[in-house]
Amino acid sequence: MAKTEKQKMLAGELYLGNDPELVAERSRARRLLRAFNDTLMEDGALRQTLLRQLIGELGEGVYIEPPFHCDYGAYLRLGARVYMNFQCVILDCNTVTIGDDVAFGPNVHVYAATHPLDADERIKGPELTKPVSIGAKTWVGGGSIILPGVTIGEGVTIGAGSVVTKDIPPYVLAAGNPCRVIRSLR
């Protein structure tokens, strides 16, 4: 039996993002995000209800400052006490795993989405994905971008404005464009 576009997407194979099943899932996420992003600071219980409906796995004590944006929400795995400041964007067309006690500064972007490098293939419309993983106790400075397929180890500090293109080992300070290890934190 042939794979669905969703199965291909989650397997990191070429897939068509305009597949009706995927469009419906993104539409559902947009409705929940609109409701979440329209809440007031005092609406903590409503925010948690909406996040439980949106996020695939939601740890205890997660706090996300609106506005927040994602593709599906269903492929997000957020550990306990994750904090995301204003304007975070997660393109979760593959699994994005964020460990316990991770904090994001404002305007952090995490991309599991990518596209074929070959222009002739790319213009035909297929897309690609690669999972992203961020270890527990990591701080990601404001304005940073984490690219598809990246794994960031536990206890890392990513400097503001970094573009993380490759894996980062545990317990280091890393920064820059492209992001590189500056020094060990242990």
Protein backbone atom coordinates (compact mmCIF):
# COMPACT_ATOMS: atom_id res chain seq x y z
CA MET A 1 0.00 0.00 0.00
CA ALA A 2 1.30 3.46 -0.90
CA LYS A 3 2.17 5.87 1.89
CA THR A 4 -0.02 8.86 2.55
CA GLU A 5 1.47 12.33 2.19
CA LYS A 6 1.34 12.63 5.99
CA GLN A 7 3.29 9.36 6.40
CA LYS A 8 5.87 10.59 3.87
CA MET A 9 6.12 13.96 5.67
CA LEU A 10 6.78 12.35 9.05
CA ALA A 11 9.29 9.92 7.48
CA GLY A 12 11.30 12.82 6.03
CA GLU A 13 10.48 11.81 2.45
CA LEU A 14 9.33 14.08 -0.37
CA TYR A 15 5.66 14.91 0.18
CA LEU A 16 3.01 17.31 -1.04
CA GLY A 17 2.00 19.87 1.56
CA ASN A 18 -1.24 20.69 -0.25
CA ASP A 19 -2.64 17.23 0.50
CA PRO A 20 -6.20 17.65 1.87
CA GLU A 21 -5.44 15.77 5.11
CA LEU A 22 -2.45 18.02 5.83
CA VAL A 23 -4.34 21.17 4.87
CA ALA A 24 -7.13 20.19 7.30
CA GLU A 25 -4.62 19.61 10.11
CA ARG A 26 -2.96 22.98 9.52
CA SER A 27 -6.36 24.67 9.40
CA ARG A 28 -7.27 23.14 12.78
CA ALA A 29 -3.99 24.41 14.21
CA ARG A 30 -4.62 27.91 12.83
CA ARG A 31 -8.04 28.05 14.52
CA LEU A 32 -6.55 27.02 17.88
CA LEU A 33 -3.63 29.44 17.46
CA ARG A 34 -5.99 32.30 16.65
CA ALA A 35 -7.94 31.59 19.84
CA PHE A 36 -4.73 31.23 21.89
CA ASN A 37 -3.14 34.38 20.48
CA ASP A 38 -6.30 36.38 21.22
CA THR A 39 -6.27 35.53 24.94
CA LEU A 40 -5.42 37.98 27.69
CA MET A 41 -2.70 37.49 30.29
CA GLU A 42 -5.43 36.77 32.85
CA ASP A 43 -6.77 33.87 30.73
CA GLY A 44 -4.27 31.30 32.04
CA ALA A 45 -6.75 28.42 32.31
CA LEU A 46 -8.08 29.03 28.79
CA ARG A 47 -4.54 29.23 27.41
CA GLN A 48 -3.67 25.87 28.96
CA THR A 49 -6.86 24.30 27.57
CA LEU A 50 -6.05 25.55 24.09
CA LEU A 51 -2.42 24.39 24.33
CA ARG A 52 -3.56 20.91 25.43
CA GLN A 53 -5.74 20.76 22.32
CA LEU A 54 -2.97 22.04 20.04
CA ILE A 55 0.29 20.47 21.27
CA GLY A 56 1.04 16.76 20.77
CA GLU A 57 2.76 16.35 24.16
CA LEU A 58 2.56 19.14 26.71
CA GLY A 59 4.53 18.92 29.95
CA GLU A 60 3.45 20.47 33.23
CA GLY A 61 4.09 24.16 33.71
CA VAL A 62 4.61 25.07 30.04
CA TYR A 63 4.18 28.80 29.45
CA ILE A 64 4.00 30.31 25.97
CA GLU A 65 3.65 34.06 25.47
CA PRO A 66 1.30 34.96 22.63
CA PRO A 67 1.66 35.43 19.80
CA PHE A 68 2.90 31.94 19.03
CA HIS A 69 2.82 30.21 15.65
CA CYS A 70 3.28 26.63 14.48
CA ASP A 71 2.28 24.48 11.50
CA TYR A 72 0.48 21.59 13.17
CA GLY A 73 1.13 21.57 16.92
CA ALA A 74 0.49 17.83 16.91
CA TYR A 75 4.17 17.07 16.25
CA LEU A 76 5.46 19.24 19.10
CA ARG A 77 6.76 17.48 22.22
CA LEU A 78 7.24 20.03 25.00
CA GLY A 79 8.76 18.94 28.31
CA ALA A 80 7.89 20.32 31.72
CA ARG A 81 8.43 24.01 32.47
CA VAL A 82 9.20 25.02 28.88
CA TYR A 83 9.01 28.80 28.44
CA MET A 84 8.64 30.57 25.10
CA ASN A 85 8.72 34.34 24.92
CA PHE A 86 6.80 36.47 22.38
CA GLN A 87 6.76 35.71 18.64
CA CYS A 88 8.15 32.17 18.67
CA VAL A 89 7.56 30.14 15.50
CA ILE A 90 7.88 26.36 15.20
CA LEU A 91 7.44 24.71 11.82
CA ASP A 92 6.56 21.26 13.15
CA CYS A 93 5.95 19.31 9.96
CA ASN A 94 8.15 16.67 11.61
CA THR A 95 8.70 15.99 15.28
CA VAL A 96 10.14 18.88 17.29
CA THR A 97 11.15 17.71 20.76
CA ILE A 98 11.95 20.28 23.44
CA GLY A 99 13.17 18.97 26.80
CA ASP A 100 12.30 19.98 30.36
CA ASP A 101 13.27 23.45 31.61
CA VAL A 102 14.05 24.88 28.16
CA ALA A 103 13.60 28.62 27.69
CA PHE A 104 13.31 30.57 24.43
CA GLY A 105 13.88 34.28 24.15
CA PRO A 106 11.56 36.31 21.93
CA ASN A 107 11.32 35.60 18.23
CA VAL A 108 13.01 32.17 18.29
CA HIS A 109 12.26 30.09 15.19
CA VAL A 110 12.58 26.31 14.93
CA TYR A 111 12.24 24.78 11.47
CA ALA A 112 11.65 21.10 10.76
CA ALA A 113 10.61 22.15 7.22
CA THR A 114 13.00 22.18 4.30
CA HIS A 115 12.88 21.85 0.53
CA PRO A 116 14.81 20.00 -2.18
CA LEU A 117 18.06 21.70 -3.11
CA ASP A 118 17.62 20.87 -6.80
CA ALA A 119 15.68 23.78 -8.29
CA ASP A 120 13.94 21.67 -10.94
CA GLU A 121 12.64 19.31 -8.25
CA ARG A 122 11.78 22.15 -5.85
CA ILE A 123 9.58 24.03 -8.32
CA LYS A 124 7.44 20.89 -8.77
CA GLY A 125 6.21 21.53 -5.20
CA PRO A 126 7.41 18.66 -3.01
CA GLU A 127 8.66 19.46 0.47
CA LEU A 128 10.94 17.71 2.95
CA THR A 129 11.23 17.57 6.73
CA LYS A 130 13.83 16.67 9.34
CA PRO A 131 13.15 16.31 13.09
CA VAL A 132 14.63 18.77 15.59
CA SER A 133 15.57 18.03 19.20
CA ILE A 134 16.51 20.47 21.96
CA GLY A 135 17.86 19.01 25.19
CA ALA A 136 16.69 19.81 28.72
CA LYS A 137 17.91 22.92 30.54
CA THR A 138 18.79 24.73 27.32
CA TRP A 139 18.46 28.49 26.82
CA VAL A 140 17.93 29.77 23.27
CA GLY A 141 18.58 33.50 22.98
CA GLY A 142 16.17 35.83 21.24
CA GLY A 143 16.09 35.95 17.48
CA SER A 144 17.81 32.59 17.05
CA ILE A 145 16.91 30.20 14.24
CA ILE A 146 17.28 26.42 14.56
CA LEU A 147 17.36 24.64 11.20
CA PRO A 148 15.95 21.23 10.18
CA GLY A 149 17.63 18.10 11.48
CA VAL A 150 19.54 19.83 14.29
CA THR A 151 20.03 18.27 17.73
CA ILE A 152 21.02 20.57 20.58
CA GLY A 153 22.35 18.83 23.68
CA GLU A 154 21.31 19.29 27.31
CA GLY A 155 22.34 22.40 29.23
CA VAL A 156 23.31 24.47 26.19
CA THR A 157 23.19 28.25 25.94
CA ILE A 158 22.59 29.52 22.41
CA GLY A 159 23.52 33.21 22.01
CA ALA A 160 20.93 35.66 20.73
CA GLY A 161 20.66 35.92 16.96
CA SER A 162 22.36 32.61 16.28
CA VAL A 163 21.59 30.44 13.26
CA VAL A 164 22.02 26.83 14.34
CA THR A 165 22.87 24.79 11.25
CA LYS A 166 24.57 21.77 12.89
CA ASP A 167 24.27 19.69 16.05
CA ILE A 168 25.49 21.30 19.28
CA PRO A 169 26.98 19.09 22.05
CA PRO A 170 25.74 19.26 25.67
CA TYR A 171 26.79 21.93 28.17
CA VAL A 172 28.38 24.48 25.88
CA LEU A 173 27.93 28.13 25.00
CA ALA A 174 27.36 28.41 21.25
CA ALA A 175 26.62 31.48 19.17
CA GLY A 176 26.94 33.09 15.77
CA ASN A 177 25.90 32.69 12.17
CA PRO A 178 26.55 29.92 11.62
CA CYS A 179 26.35 28.93 15.27
CA ARG A 180 29.53 27.43 16.67
CA VAL A 181 30.73 26.32 20.07
CA ILE A 182 32.41 29.17 21.96
CA ARG A 183 33.34 27.29 25.13
CA SER A 184 32.40 24.48 27.49
CA LEU A 185 30.09 25.21 30.39
CA ARG A 186 31.37 22.35 32.53
